[in-house]
C-alpha atoms as a PDB file:
ATOM      1  CA  UNK A   1       7.362 -17.238   2.084  1.00  0.00           C
ATOM      2  CA  UNK A   2       7.554 -14.580   4.961  1.00  0.00           C
ATOM      3  CA  UNK A   3       5.009 -11.640   4.787  1.00  0.00           C
ATOM      4  CA  UNK A   4       5.658  -8.197   6.305  1.00  0.00           C
ATOM      5  CA  UNK A   5       2.965  -5.529   6.424  1.00  0.00           C
ATOM      6  CA  UNK A   6       4.272  -1.939   6.688  1.00  0.00           C
ATOM      7  CA  UNK A   7       1.668   0.791   7.048  1.00  0.00           C
ATOM      8  CA  UNK A   8       1.425   4.490   7.621  1.00  0.00           C
ATOM      9  CA  UNK A   9      -1.889   5.544   8.939  1.00  0.00           C
ATOM     10  CA  UNK A  10      -3.692   8.460  10.484  1.00  0.00           C
ATOM     11  CA  UNK A  11      -7.332   7.890  10.478  1.00  0.00           C
ATOM     12  CA  UNK A  12      -7.080   4.148  10.832  1.00  0.00           C
ATOM     13  CA  UNK A  13      -8.346   3.063   7.501  1.00  0.00           C
ATOM     14  CA  UNK A  14      -5.063   1.703   6.144  1.00  0.00           C
ATOM     15  CA  UNK A  15      -4.563  -0.007   9.488  1.00  0.00           C
ATOM     16  CA  UNK A  16      -7.923  -1.735   9.047  1.00  0.00           C
ATOM     17  CA  UNK A  17      -6.674  -3.059   5.757  1.00  0.00           C
ATOM     18  CA  UNK A  18      -3.369  -4.178   7.358  1.00  0.00           C
ATOM     19  CA  UNK A  19      -5.345  -6.208  10.082  1.00  0.00           C
ATOM     20  CA  UNK A  20      -7.549  -7.770   7.389  1.00  0.00           C
ATOM     21  CA  UNK A  21      -4.410  -8.852   5.518  1.00  0.00           C
ATOM     22  CA  UNK A  22      -2.644 -10.112   8.778  1.00  0.00           C
ATOM     23  CA  UNK A  23      -5.757 -12.291   9.559  1.00  0.00           C
ATOM     24  CA  UNK A  24      -6.040 -13.792   6.156  1.00  0.00           C
ATOM     25  CA  UNK A  25      -2.360 -14.349   5.513  1.00  0.00           C
ATOM     26  CA  UNK A  26      -1.822 -15.526   9.039  1.00  0.00           C
ATOM     27  CA  UNK A  27       0.920 -12.720   9.523  1.00  0.00           C
ATOM     28  CA  UNK A  28       2.123 -12.551  13.236  1.00  0.00           C
ATOM     29  CA  UNK A  29       1.351  -9.132  14.895  1.00  0.00           C
ATOM     30  CA  UNK A  30       5.143  -8.616  15.167  1.00  0.00           C
ATOM     31  CA  UNK A  31       5.234  -8.529  11.368  1.00  0.00           C
ATOM     32  CA  UNK A  32       2.690  -5.749  11.017  1.00  0.00           C
ATOM     33  CA  UNK A  33       4.832  -2.629  11.254  1.00  0.00           C
ATOM     34  CA  UNK A  34       3.207   0.751  12.130  1.00  0.00           C
ATOM     35  CA  UNK A  35       5.604   3.071  10.310  1.00  0.00           C
ATOM     36  CA  UNK A  36       5.264   5.698  12.767  1.00  0.00           C
ATOM     37  CA  UNK A  37       5.738   3.622  15.880  1.00  0.00           C
ATOM     38  CA  UNK A  38       7.482   0.435  14.854  1.00  0.00           C
ATOM     39  CA  UNK A  39       9.693   1.231  11.956  1.00  0.00           C
ATOM     40  CA  UNK A  40      13.488   1.510  12.759  1.00  0.00           C
ATOM     41  CA  UNK A  41      15.310   1.411   9.377  1.00  0.00           C
ATOM     42  CA  UNK A  42      14.977   0.180   5.673  1.00  0.00           C
ATOM     43  CA  UNK A  43      16.972  -3.033   6.750  1.00  0.00           C
ATOM     44  CA  UNK A  44      13.653  -4.226   8.311  1.00  0.00           C
ATOM     45  CA  UNK A  45      12.374  -4.809   4.645  1.00  0.00           C
ATOM     46  CA  UNK A  46      15.026  -7.496   4.216  1.00  0.00           C
ATOM     47  CA  UNK A  47      13.400  -9.932   6.579  1.00  0.00           C
ATOM     48  CA  UNK A  48      10.454 -10.487   4.184  1.00  0.00           C
ATOM     49  CA  UNK A  49       9.796 -12.055   0.860  1.00  0.00           C
ATOM     50  CA  UNK A  50       6.633 -10.436   0.484  1.00  0.00           C
ATOM     51  CA  UNK A  51       5.782  -6.803   1.592  1.00  0.00           C
ATOM     52  CA  UNK A  52       2.344  -5.495   1.883  1.00  0.00           C
ATOM     53  CA  UNK A  53       2.869  -1.641   1.968  1.00  0.00           C
ATOM     54  CA  UNK A  54       0.082   0.758   2.923  1.00  0.00           C
ATOM     55  CA  UNK A  55      -0.267   4.479   3.156  1.00  0.00           C
ATOM     56  CA  UNK A  56      -2.930   6.899   3.405  1.00  0.00           C
ATOM     57  CA  UNK A  57      -2.557   9.783   0.896  1.00  0.00           C
ATOM     58  CA  UNK A  58      -1.887  13.265   2.028  1.00  0.00           C
ATOM     59  CA  UNK A  59      -1.955  16.826   0.482  1.00  0.00           C
ATOM     60  CA  UNK A  60      -1.169  16.733  -3.254  1.00  0.00           C
ATOM     61  CA  UNK A  61      -0.743  12.983  -3.436  1.00  0.00           C
ATOM     62  CA  UNK A  62       1.945  12.443  -0.825  1.00  0.00           C
ATOM     63  CA  UNK A  63       2.620   9.480   1.300  1.00  0.00           C
ATOM     64  CA  UNK A  64       1.793   9.496   4.950  1.00  0.00           C
ATOM     65  CA  UNK A  65       4.684  11.315   6.809  1.00  0.00           C
ATOM     66  CA  UNK A  66       5.872   8.119   8.411  1.00  0.00           C
ATOM     67  CA  UNK A  67       6.923   6.880   4.919  1.00  0.00           C
ATOM     68  CA  UNK A  68       8.833  10.124   3.825  1.00  0.00           C
ATOM     69  CA  UNK A  69      12.139   9.367   5.362  1.00  0.00           C
ATOM     70  CA  UNK A  70      12.135   5.569   4.702  1.00  0.00           C
ATOM     71  CA  UNK A  71      11.567   6.464   1.068  1.00  0.00           C
ATOM     72  CA  UNK A  72      14.402   9.004   0.974  1.00  0.00           C
ATOM     73  CA  UNK A  73      16.706   6.463   2.639  1.00  0.00           C
ATOM     74  CA  UNK A  74      15.612   3.707   0.132  1.00  0.00           C
ATOM     75  CA  UNK A  75      16.344   6.045  -2.794  1.00  0.00           C
ATOM     76  CA  UNK A  76      19.526   6.921  -1.486  1.00  0.00           C
ATOM     77  CA  UNK A  77      20.853   3.603  -0.479  1.00  0.00           C
ATOM     78  CA  UNK A  78      19.325   1.602  -3.361  1.00  0.00           C
ATOM     79  CA  UNK A  79      19.015  -1.731  -1.856  1.00  0.00           C
ATOM     80  CA  UNK A  80      18.353  -4.567  -4.259  1.00  0.00           C
ATOM     81  CA  UNK A  81      14.626  -5.876  -3.961  1.00  0.00           C
ATOM     82  CA  UNK A  82      14.977  -8.266  -6.633  1.00  0.00           C
ATOM     83  CA  UNK A  83      13.141 -11.517  -5.632  1.00  0.00           C
ATOM     84  CA  UNK A  84      10.767  -9.546  -3.340  1.00  0.00           C
ATOM     85  CA  UNK A  85       7.158  -9.321  -4.069  1.00  0.00           C
ATOM     86  CA  UNK A  86       5.073  -6.180  -3.188  1.00  0.00           C
ATOM     87  CA  UNK A  87       1.456  -5.188  -2.921  1.00  0.00           C
ATOM     88  CA  UNK A  88       0.061  -1.709  -2.163  1.00  0.00           C
ATOM     89  CA  UNK A  89      -3.065  -0.512  -0.193  1.00  0.00           C
ATOM     90  CA  UNK A  90      -4.289   2.784   1.357  1.00  0.00           C
ATOM     91  CA  UNK A  91      -6.728   5.312   1.968  1.00  0.00           C
ATOM     92  CA  UNK A  92      -7.992   8.337   0.194  1.00  0.00           C
ATOM     93  CA  UNK A  93     -10.789  10.686  -0.550  1.00  0.00           C
ATOM     94  CA  UNK A  94     -12.233  10.440  -4.154  1.00  0.00           C
ATOM     95  CA  UNK A  95     -14.351  13.703  -3.701  1.00  0.00           C
ATOM     96  CA  UNK A  96     -12.340  16.077  -1.701  1.00  0.00           C
ATOM     97  CA  UNK A  97      -9.002  14.886  -3.119  1.00  0.00           C
ATOM     98  CA  UNK A  98      -9.971  13.256  -6.385  1.00  0.00           C
ATOM     99  CA  UNK A  99      -7.162  14.958  -8.396  1.00  0.00           C
ATOM    100  CA  UNK A 100      -4.772  12.874  -6.120  1.00  0.00           C
ATOM    101  CA  UNK A 101      -6.943   9.846  -5.046  1.00  0.00           C
ATOM    102  CA  UNK A 102      -4.656   7.318  -3.450  1.00  0.00           C
ATOM    103  CA  UNK A 103      -1.576   8.636  -5.294  1.00  0.00           C
ATOM    104  CA  UNK A 104       0.633   7.445  -2.267  1.00  0.00           C
ATOM    105  CA  UNK A 105       0.170   4.062  -3.653  1.00  0.00           C
ATOM    106  CA  UNK A 106       1.595   5.044  -6.953  1.00  0.00           C
ATOM    107  CA  UNK A 107       4.498   6.626  -5.190  1.00  0.00           C
ATOM    108  CA  UNK A 108       5.218   3.452  -3.126  1.00  0.00           C
ATOM    109  CA  UNK A 109       5.006   1.386  -6.450  1.00  0.00           C
ATOM    110  CA  UNK A 110       7.546   3.579  -8.157  1.00  0.00           C
ATOM    111  CA  UNK A 111      10.090   3.387  -5.174  1.00  0.00           C
ATOM    112  CA  UNK A 112       9.805  -0.389  -4.650  1.00  0.00           C
ATOM    113  CA  UNK A 113       9.640  -1.527  -8.264  1.00  0.00           C
ATOM    114  CA  UNK A 114      12.451   0.881  -9.155  1.00  0.00           C
ATOM    115  CA  UNK A 115      14.657  -1.140  -6.596  1.00  0.00           C
ATOM    116  CA  UNK A 116      13.528  -4.430  -8.381  1.00  0.00           C
ATOM    117  CA  UNK A 117      10.438  -5.659  -6.468  1.00  0.00           C
ATOM    118  CA  UNK A 118       7.691  -7.421  -8.362  1.00  0.00           C
ATOM    119  CA  UNK A 119       4.408  -5.661  -7.795  1.00  0.00           C
ATOM    120  CA  UNK A 120       1.131  -7.684  -7.654  1.00  0.00           C
ATOM    121  CA  UNK A 121      -2.467  -6.879  -6.629  1.00  0.00           C
ATOM    122  CA  UNK A 122      -3.453  -4.601  -9.583  1.00  0.00           C
ATOM    123  CA  UNK A 123      -7.294  -4.256  -9.814  1.00  0.00           C
ATOM    124  CA  UNK A 124      -9.662  -2.609 -12.361  1.00  0.00           C
ATOM    125  CA  UNK A 125     -10.050   1.124 -11.931  1.00  0.00           C
ATOM    126  CA  UNK A 126     -13.620   1.017 -13.141  1.00  0.00           C
ATOM    127  CA  UNK A 127     -15.024   0.731  -9.663  1.00  0.00           C
ATOM    128  CA  UNK A 128     -13.476   3.943  -8.548  1.00  0.00           C
ATOM    129  CA  UNK A 129     -14.456   7.618  -9.149  1.00  0.00           C
ATOM    130  CA  UNK A 130     -11.639  10.155  -9.185  1.00  0.00           C
ATOM    131  CA  UNK A 131     -10.021  12.698 -11.490  1.00  0.00           C
ATOM    132  CA  UNK A 132      -6.455  11.510 -11.409  1.00  0.00           C
ATOM    133  CA  UNK A 133      -4.240   9.001  -9.437  1.00  0.00           C
ATOM    134  CA  UNK A 134      -0.651   8.162  -9.641  1.00  0.00           C
ATOM    135  CA  UNK A 135      -1.893   4.714  -8.464  1.00  0.00           C
ATOM    136  CA  UNK A 136      -3.369   4.267 -12.032  1.00  0.00           C
ATOM    137  CA  UNK A 137      -0.728   2.345 -13.949  1.00  0.00           C
ATOM    138  CA  UNK A 138      -1.303   0.733 -17.464  1.00  0.00           C
ATOM    139  CA  UNK A 139      -5.100   1.357 -16.848  1.00  0.00           C
ATOM    140  CA  UNK A 140      -5.430  -0.384 -13.644  1.00  0.00           C
ATOM    141  CA  UNK A 141      -5.013   0.588  -9.943  1.00  0.00           C
ATOM    142  CA  UNK A 142      -1.743  -0.642  -8.615  1.00  0.00           C
ATOM    143  CA  UNK A 143      -3.290  -1.789  -5.429  1.00  0.00           C
ATOM    144  CA  UNK A 144      -6.224  -1.371  -3.105  1.00  0.00           C
ATOM    145  CA  UNK A 145      -7.584   2.090  -2.608  1.00  0.00           C
ATOM    146  CA  UNK A 146     -10.217   2.613   0.120  1.00  0.00           C
ATOM    147  CA  UNK A 147     -12.400   5.730   0.510  1.00  0.00           C
ATOM    148  CA  UNK A 148     -14.091   5.602   3.984  1.00  0.00           C
ATOM    149  CA  UNK A 149     -15.352   9.092   3.565  1.00  0.00           C
ATOM    150  CA  UNK A 150     -17.430   8.634   0.461  1.00  0.00           C
ATOM    151  CA  UNK A 151     -17.767   4.886  -0.402  1.00  0.00           C
ATOM    152  CA  UNK A 152     -17.689   3.084   3.038  1.00  0.00           C
ATOM    153  CA  UNK A 153     -20.240   0.783   1.868  1.00  0.00           C
ATOM    154  CA  UNK A 154     -17.721  -0.769  -0.576  1.00  0.00           C
ATOM    155  CA  UNK A 155     -14.825  -1.125   1.855  1.00  0.00           C
ATOM    156  CA  UNK A 156     -15.440  -4.647   3.086  1.00  0.00           C
ATOM    157  CA  UNK A 157     -16.146  -6.005  -0.372  1.00  0.00           C
ATOM    158  CA  UNK A 158     -13.085  -4.183  -1.861  1.00  0.00           C
ATOM    159  CA  UNK A 159     -10.797  -5.673   0.863  1.00  0.00           C
ATOM    160  CA  UNK A 160     -12.129  -9.151   0.432  1.00  0.00           C
ATOM    161  CA  UNK A 161     -11.901  -9.127  -3.295  1.00  0.00           C
ATOM    162  CA  UNK A 162      -8.413  -7.743  -3.181  1.00  0.00           C
ATOM    163  CA  UNK A 163      -7.287 -10.367  -0.728  1.00  0.00           C
ATOM    164  CA  UNK A 164      -8.593 -12.946  -3.202  1.00  0.00           C
ATOM    165  CA  UNK A 165      -6.449 -11.389  -6.062  1.00  0.00           C
ATOM    166  CA  UNK A 166      -3.346 -11.389  -3.757  1.00  0.00           C
ATOM    167  CA  UNK A 167      -4.008 -15.237  -2.888  1.00  0.00           C
ATOM    168  CA  UNK A 168      -4.259 -16.043  -6.498  1.00  0.00           C
ATOM    169  CA  UNK A 169      -0.971 -14.308  -7.403  1.00  0.00           C
ATOM    170  CA  UNK A 170       1.207 -15.475  -4.529  1.00  0.00           C
END
């Protein structure tokens, strides 16, 4: 099972999660793709069985700008991701942007599961405070959301707990 980590990050929180995932799952640094610097085209996704996909949330719930073109390309080309497993992570601000908290995860979920990928890594939403999120699916969070602005003290434990969820599901 080959794992690729694809991450769009600005402040570094999503990359912090990506590095923790790489360490725990023994992912080579060449397989940690910074969307802004290392991403070439959607064919890169084909190299992996498992995709850990991360993005900070911007504006009104948008993905990091480095994800915009790849998502448009995926939606246009419609590659078949059946047989691929995906998990989502990212950063948000539950107070300043509580009406869109970590919604980028939900958008990534919609895109990749719409192409046939199987999503894992859902976690209880009860530990989060927010008004609305596209990452909330069927009463759970569709991945790991981190708020380094307001809940920094929960980051380490949230990452650790999520990694355990992923290990049990892979």
